[in-house]
Protein backbone atom coordinates (compact mmCIF):
# COMPACT_ATOMS: atom_id res chain seq x y z
CA MET A 1 77.05 61.37 -156.24
CA THR A 2 77.00 57.97 -157.92
CA TYR A 3 79.23 55.92 -155.63
CA ILE A 4 78.02 52.70 -153.97
CA VAL A 5 78.89 51.25 -150.56
CA ARG A 6 79.14 47.56 -149.67
CA PHE A 7 79.55 46.11 -146.18
CA PHE A 8 80.80 42.53 -145.76
CA ILE A 9 79.62 41.21 -142.40
CA GLY A 10 80.15 37.83 -140.80
CA LYS A 11 81.26 35.72 -137.88
CA GLY A 12 84.98 35.78 -137.16
CA GLY A 13 86.90 33.28 -139.28
CA VAL A 14 84.34 32.78 -142.06
CA GLY A 15 86.58 34.54 -144.58
CA LYS A 16 84.81 37.88 -145.02
CA THR A 17 88.13 39.68 -145.63
CA THR A 18 88.94 37.35 -148.54
CA VAL A 19 85.44 37.80 -149.95
CA ALA A 20 85.53 41.60 -149.56
CA ALA A 21 88.96 41.72 -151.24
CA THR A 22 87.74 39.53 -154.11
CA TYR A 23 84.65 41.68 -154.64
CA ALA A 24 86.76 44.86 -154.59
CA LEU A 25 89.20 43.38 -157.10
CA LYS A 26 86.28 42.46 -159.35
CA GLN A 27 84.89 46.00 -159.25
CA ALA A 28 88.32 47.50 -159.98
CA GLY A 29 88.65 45.15 -162.95
CA LYS A 30 85.48 46.69 -164.38
CA GLY A 31 87.19 50.09 -164.37
CA ARG A 32 85.51 51.40 -161.22
CA ARG A 33 87.62 53.37 -158.75
CA THR A 34 87.40 51.10 -155.73
CA TYR A 35 88.56 51.47 -152.13
CA VAL A 36 88.53 48.46 -149.83
CA ILE A 37 88.75 49.40 -146.15
CA SER A 38 89.36 47.13 -143.16
CA LEU A 39 87.60 48.25 -139.97
CA ASP A 40 88.49 45.01 -138.18
CA PRO A 41 90.90 45.51 -135.24
CA ALA A 42 92.50 42.16 -136.18
CA HIS A 43 93.59 43.34 -139.62
CA ASN A 44 94.42 40.81 -142.31
CA LEU A 45 93.39 42.71 -145.44
CA GLY A 46 97.05 43.41 -146.15
CA ASP A 47 97.82 39.72 -145.61
CA VAL A 48 95.15 38.75 -148.14
CA PHE A 49 96.59 41.10 -150.75
CA ASP A 50 100.12 40.06 -149.69
CA MET A 51 101.25 43.63 -149.14
CA GLU A 52 101.53 46.08 -146.28
CA LEU A 53 98.52 48.36 -145.84
CA GLY A 54 98.03 51.20 -143.39
CA ASP A 55 95.82 54.10 -142.37
CA LYS A 56 96.43 55.94 -145.65
CA PRO A 57 95.19 54.64 -149.02
CA ARG A 58 97.72 52.50 -150.85
CA LYS A 59 97.34 51.56 -154.48
CA ILE A 60 97.02 47.80 -154.89
CA THR A 61 96.45 47.60 -158.62
CA ASP A 62 94.69 49.60 -161.33
CA ASN A 63 91.58 51.29 -159.89
CA LEU A 64 92.02 49.64 -156.48
CA TRP A 65 93.27 51.13 -153.21
CA GLY A 66 93.39 49.56 -149.75
CA ILE A 67 93.20 50.98 -146.22
CA GLU A 68 93.65 49.29 -142.85
CA VAL A 69 92.25 51.69 -140.26
CA ASP A 70 94.60 52.25 -137.33
CA TYR A 71 92.19 51.30 -134.55
CA GLU A 72 94.12 52.82 -131.66
CA ALA A 73 94.68 56.08 -133.54
CA MET A 74 91.00 56.17 -134.49
CA ILE A 75 89.92 55.93 -130.85
CA ARG A 76 92.51 58.49 -129.75
CA LYS A 77 91.25 60.93 -132.38
CA HIS A 78 87.66 60.38 -131.28
CA LEU A 79 88.54 61.04 -127.63
CA LYS A 80 90.59 64.12 -128.57
CA ASN A 81 87.72 65.59 -130.58
CA LEU A 82 85.28 64.80 -127.78
CA THR A 83 87.56 66.40 -125.20
CA GLU A 84 87.88 69.57 -127.27
CA LYS A 85 84.11 69.82 -127.71
CA ILE A 86 83.51 69.41 -123.99
CA LYS A 87 86.10 72.04 -123.15
CA ASP A 88 84.70 74.44 -125.74
CA ILE A 89 81.17 74.09 -124.40
CA TYR A 90 82.05 73.94 -120.72
CA GLY A 91 85.27 75.94 -120.78
CA TYR A 92 84.13 78.03 -117.82
CA LEU A 93 84.32 74.90 -115.65
CA LYS A 94 88.08 74.43 -116.03
CA ILE A 95 88.46 75.28 -112.37
CA PHE A 96 86.90 71.89 -111.63
CA ASN A 97 89.58 70.03 -113.62
CA LEU A 98 87.50 68.50 -116.40
CA ASP A 99 90.54 66.59 -117.66
CA LYS A 100 90.24 63.84 -115.08
CA TYR A 101 86.63 63.22 -116.11
CA VAL A 102 87.48 63.25 -119.80
CA ASP A 103 90.23 60.66 -119.20
CA VAL A 104 87.57 58.25 -117.94
CA LEU A 105 85.74 58.46 -121.29
CA GLN A 106 88.23 56.13 -122.97
CA HIS A 107 86.95 53.31 -120.73
CA SER A 108 83.26 54.12 -121.28
CA PRO A 109 80.94 51.67 -123.07
CA GLY A 110 80.27 52.60 -126.68
CA VAL A 111 83.53 54.45 -127.38
CA GLU A 112 84.67 51.82 -129.88
CA GLU A 113 81.34 51.91 -131.73
CA GLN A 114 81.22 55.71 -131.77
CA ALA A 115 84.80 56.02 -133.04
CA SER A 116 84.15 53.43 -135.77
CA LEU A 117 80.99 55.20 -136.90
CA GLU A 118 82.84 58.51 -137.09
CA LYS A 119 85.52 56.81 -139.21
CA ILE A 120 82.90 55.45 -141.61
CA ILE A 121 81.40 58.95 -141.92
CA GLU A 122 84.83 60.49 -142.48
CA LEU A 123 86.01 58.00 -145.11
CA THR A 124 82.69 57.86 -146.97
CA ARG A 125 82.59 61.63 -147.23
CA ILE A 126 86.22 61.93 -148.33
CA LEU A 127 86.05 59.12 -150.86
CA GLY A 128 82.42 59.07 -151.96
CA GLU A 129 81.00 62.55 -151.51
CA LYS A 130 84.13 64.18 -152.92
CA GLY A 131 84.08 61.96 -156.00
CA ARG A 132 87.28 59.98 -155.43
CA ALA A 133 85.57 56.56 -155.37
CA ASP A 134 82.94 54.76 -157.39
CA VAL A 135 82.84 51.81 -154.99
CA ILE A 136 83.62 51.74 -151.25
CA VAL A 137 83.97 48.27 -149.72
CA TYR A 138 84.06 47.85 -145.95
CA ASP A 139 85.59 44.71 -144.43
CA THR A 140 83.95 44.88 -141.01
CA PRO A 141 84.67 43.88 -137.40
CA PRO A 142 82.98 40.76 -135.97
CA THR A 143 79.20 40.69 -136.32
CA GLY A 144 78.17 41.89 -132.86
CA LEU A 145 80.32 45.01 -132.94
CA MET A 146 79.31 45.88 -136.50
CA LEU A 147 75.61 45.60 -135.71
CA ARG A 148 76.02 47.99 -132.78
CA ILE A 149 77.83 50.44 -135.08
CA MET A 150 75.04 50.31 -137.67
CA ALA A 151 72.33 50.71 -135.02
CA LEU A 152 74.03 53.70 -133.40
CA PRO A 153 72.54 56.40 -135.70
CA THR A 154 68.96 55.19 -135.15
CA ILE A 155 69.37 55.02 -131.37
CA SER A 156 71.27 58.32 -131.16
CA LEU A 157 68.67 60.22 -133.18
CA ILE A 158 65.97 59.20 -130.70
CA TRP A 159 68.08 60.48 -127.79
CA ILE A 160 69.11 63.67 -129.57
CA ASP A 161 65.50 64.62 -130.33
CA LYS A 162 64.61 64.13 -126.66
CA LEU A 163 67.63 66.18 -125.55
CA LEU A 164 66.75 68.98 -127.98
CA ASP A 165 63.24 69.15 -126.53
CA LEU A 166 64.69 69.25 -123.02
CA ARG A 167 67.21 71.94 -123.96
CA LEU A 168 64.50 74.08 -125.56
CA ALA A 169 62.45 73.80 -122.36
CA ILE A 170 65.47 74.93 -120.29
CA LEU A 171 66.10 77.91 -122.58
CA GLU A 172 62.42 78.85 -122.46
CA LYS A 173 62.44 78.85 -118.66
CA ARG A 174 65.57 80.99 -118.62
CA ARG A 175 63.92 83.54 -120.92
CA ALA A 176 60.86 83.55 -118.67
CA ILE A 177 63.07 84.35 -115.67
CA GLU A 178 64.74 87.19 -117.61
CA LYS A 179 61.33 88.59 -118.52
CA ILE A 180 60.18 88.51 -114.90
CA THR A 181 63.38 90.04 -113.47
CA GLY A 182 64.05 92.40 -116.35
CA GLU A 183 67.74 91.46 -116.22
CA GLU A 184 70.04 89.16 -118.19
CA MET A 185 70.63 85.81 -116.56
CA LYS A 186 74.13 85.50 -115.16
CA ALA A 187 75.97 82.98 -113.05
CA VAL A 188 79.03 83.35 -110.87
CA ILE A 189 81.36 80.36 -111.21
CA ALA A 190 84.81 80.28 -109.59
CA GLY A 191 84.59 84.01 -108.99
CA ARG A 192 83.74 84.82 -112.62
CA GLU A 193 80.44 86.32 -113.72
CA LEU A 194 79.18 84.70 -116.90
CA LYS A 195 76.09 85.31 -119.04
CA VAL A 196 73.84 82.27 -119.18
CA PRO A 197 72.60 81.44 -122.71
CA THR A 198 68.84 81.90 -123.13
CA SER A 199 68.39 81.53 -126.91
CA GLN A 200 69.04 78.72 -129.37
CA GLU A 201 71.42 80.94 -131.37
CA GLU A 202 73.79 81.56 -128.47
CA ASP A 203 73.54 78.22 -126.68
CA PRO A 204 76.56 76.01 -127.54
CA ILE A 205 74.87 72.86 -126.24
CA TYR A 206 71.82 73.32 -128.47
CA LYS A 207 74.05 74.01 -131.49
CA GLU A 208 76.15 70.90 -130.82
CA LEU A 209 73.01 68.75 -130.57
CA LEU A 210 71.84 70.13 -133.94
CA HIS A 211 75.23 69.29 -135.45
CA LEU A 212 75.07 65.74 -134.10
CA ARG A 213 71.55 65.29 -135.43
CA GLU A 214 72.73 66.37 -138.88
CA GLU A 215 75.65 63.91 -138.77
CA TYR A 216 73.57 60.96 -137.59
CA THR A 217 70.78 61.72 -140.05
CA TRP A 218 73.29 61.72 -142.91
CA ILE A 219 74.88 58.39 -142.00
CA ASN A 220 71.51 56.80 -141.19
CA ASN A 221 70.25 57.85 -144.63
CA LEU A 222 73.38 56.28 -146.16
CA PHE A 223 72.91 52.99 -144.29
CA THR A 224 69.24 52.77 -145.32
CA ASP A 225 69.61 53.97 -148.93
CA HIS A 226 68.84 50.72 -150.77
CA ARG A 227 69.99 52.11 -154.12
CA ARG A 228 73.46 52.89 -152.78
CA THR A 229 74.21 50.72 -149.75
CA ARG A 230 73.96 46.95 -149.44
CA VAL A 231 75.21 44.30 -147.06
CA ALA A 232 76.70 40.91 -147.94
CA LEU A 233 76.52 38.34 -145.15
CA VAL A 234 79.45 35.92 -145.33
CA ILE A 235 78.93 32.44 -143.89
CA ASN A 236 80.51 29.01 -143.96
CA PRO A 237 78.24 26.05 -144.85
CA GLU A 238 77.77 25.17 -141.19
CA THR A 239 74.79 25.59 -138.90
CA LEU A 240 76.26 28.03 -136.35
CA PRO A 241 77.44 30.66 -138.89
CA VAL A 242 74.05 30.35 -140.65
CA LEU A 243 72.12 30.99 -137.43
CA GLU A 244 74.34 33.92 -136.44
CA ALA A 245 73.94 35.40 -139.91
CA TYR A 246 70.17 35.10 -139.65
CA ARG A 247 70.15 36.99 -136.35
CA ALA A 248 72.21 39.71 -138.02
CA TYR A 249 69.87 39.71 -141.02
CA SER A 250 66.80 40.09 -138.79
CA PHE A 251 68.39 42.93 -136.83
CA LEU A 252 69.51 44.81 -139.94
CA GLU A 253 66.05 44.41 -141.44
CA ARG A 254 64.52 46.04 -138.35
CA ILE A 255 66.72 49.13 -138.69
CA GLY A 256 66.14 49.40 -142.43
CA VAL A 257 69.54 48.20 -143.72
CA LEU A 258 69.33 46.08 -146.88
CA VAL A 259 70.97 42.66 -146.95
CA SER A 260 71.21 41.59 -150.59
CA TYR A 261 73.74 38.77 -150.70
CA ILE A 262 74.61 35.60 -148.84
CA VAL A 263 78.16 34.50 -149.65
CA VAL A 264 78.89 30.90 -148.71
CA ASN A 265 82.65 30.68 -148.36
CA LYS A 266 84.60 27.39 -148.22
CA TYR A 267 81.79 25.44 -149.86
CA LEU A 268 82.77 21.79 -150.27
CA GLU A 269 82.04 20.44 -153.74
CA LEU A 270 81.82 16.75 -152.99
CA GLU A 271 80.28 14.14 -155.27
CA GLY A 272 80.15 10.36 -155.52
CA PRO A 273 81.02 7.77 -152.87
CA LEU A 274 82.79 9.42 -149.94
CA PRO A 275 84.70 8.16 -146.89
CA GLU A 276 82.65 8.43 -143.71
CA SER A 277 84.56 11.47 -142.46
CA LEU A 278 83.72 13.44 -145.62
CA ALA A 279 80.25 11.96 -145.88
CA GLY A 280 79.50 13.36 -142.42
CA LYS A 281 80.81 16.75 -143.45
CA LYS A 282 78.69 16.64 -146.59
CA ARG A 283 75.57 15.87 -144.54
CA GLU A 284 76.36 18.79 -142.20
CA GLN A 285 76.85 21.09 -145.18
CA ASP A 286 73.62 19.97 -146.84
CA GLU A 287 71.67 20.56 -143.61
CA ALA A 288 73.23 24.00 -143.13
CA MET A 289 72.55 25.01 -146.74
CA SER A 290 68.97 23.77 -146.54
CA LYS A 291 68.50 25.90 -143.41
CA ALA A 292 70.12 28.90 -145.08
CA LYS A 293 67.87 28.64 -148.14
CA GLU A 294 64.87 28.50 -145.84
CA LEU A 295 65.93 31.47 -143.68
CA PHE A 296 67.23 33.71 -146.46
CA LYS A 297 64.49 33.11 -148.97
CA GLY A 298 64.62 35.62 -151.82
CA LEU A 299 68.27 36.62 -151.29
CA GLU A 300 71.02 35.98 -153.82
CA PHE A 301 73.46 33.18 -152.89
CA TYR A 302 77.08 33.03 -154.05
CA ASN A 303 79.09 29.87 -153.30
CA ILE A 304 82.88 30.12 -153.16
CA PRO A 305 84.36 26.60 -153.16
CA TYR A 306 86.80 25.47 -150.51
CA GLN A 307 90.33 26.11 -151.78
CA PRO A 308 93.17 23.68 -151.05
CA TRP A 309 95.43 26.72 -150.68
CA GLU A 310 95.18 29.98 -148.77
CA PRO A 311 94.16 32.68 -151.29
CA ARG A 312 96.81 35.39 -151.00
CA GLY A 313 97.89 37.96 -153.53
CA LEU A 314 96.26 39.30 -156.67
CA GLY A 315 96.86 36.13 -158.66
CA GLU A 316 95.08 33.83 -156.23
CA LEU A 317 92.25 36.28 -155.52
CA SER A 318 91.66 36.71 -159.25
CA LYS A 319 90.80 33.00 -159.44
CA LEU A 320 87.87 33.61 -157.07
CA ILE A 321 86.33 36.51 -159.00
CA LYS A 322 84.23 34.21 -161.18
CA TYR A 323 82.27 33.13 -158.11
CA VAL A 324 81.11 36.71 -157.36
CA GLU A 325 81.03 37.97 -160.96
CA ASP A 326 77.32 38.82 -160.88
CA MET A 327 77.38 40.48 -157.46
CA GLU A 328 76.67 44.19 -157.84
């Protein structure tokens, strides 16, 4: 498959939605089938395009479709799927009322990250792997949450490999007991006699762990495929967004995700004698940009000037395309 994936990551309020929308519009203008997807719970992708977007793709213009993921529905779907898996694997424990334990899962740490990752897998497979999209653009949640989502496959694969080893050891011990006793292992639970799995082929837990490893390996390979997937860090020309972006850059580098672009949004183009208020702002901007150039040495920079209006709608966004024209 020849599709590419771009993630626009940044501190809340830096304008990453506007930048992601502009980039998507540019790609669509080149004749590439482009989907721009908002994963941010505080959606404003539809506001930027000045149209209502929802959980299903809506055509924005030629070659461009937009999606605003329904966050609550996404988490409900994740919990429903998780509940069904637990009941399938541990169905014989229904006497203990698993439902009340499953209900607690919605309040567990990591549910939001897991549900978001599953949504990225789902949409990328539907749009990219099935050949519907040439370009998939993700407008992401705030930096901290997005970094946890992108780290999840790496962390999960470590745990899954350990759990597979542990499960194999359990199955081996069960087979040893069967060999010694000469009888199939059985357990009596709630008055029912059930055969206890002793092989990988019949053990639902082992099979589910294999499935999860396959899923996480696929998405981890996507995140770290430098030919297909790249990250654009969106900042404002101020010190705090620059420092936060550098922490994100360092973290993504450690997990093998490629950051290719630094987009400086709301860049003030100020020249000549300035009033003190603007002169101070110019000094702050110069210091922040000097720091950014030092920290992100070797990365491509794209400056989008501060606009005296709020860019909304295709007409206004089109005026910004020239600033990201060379971004691939």
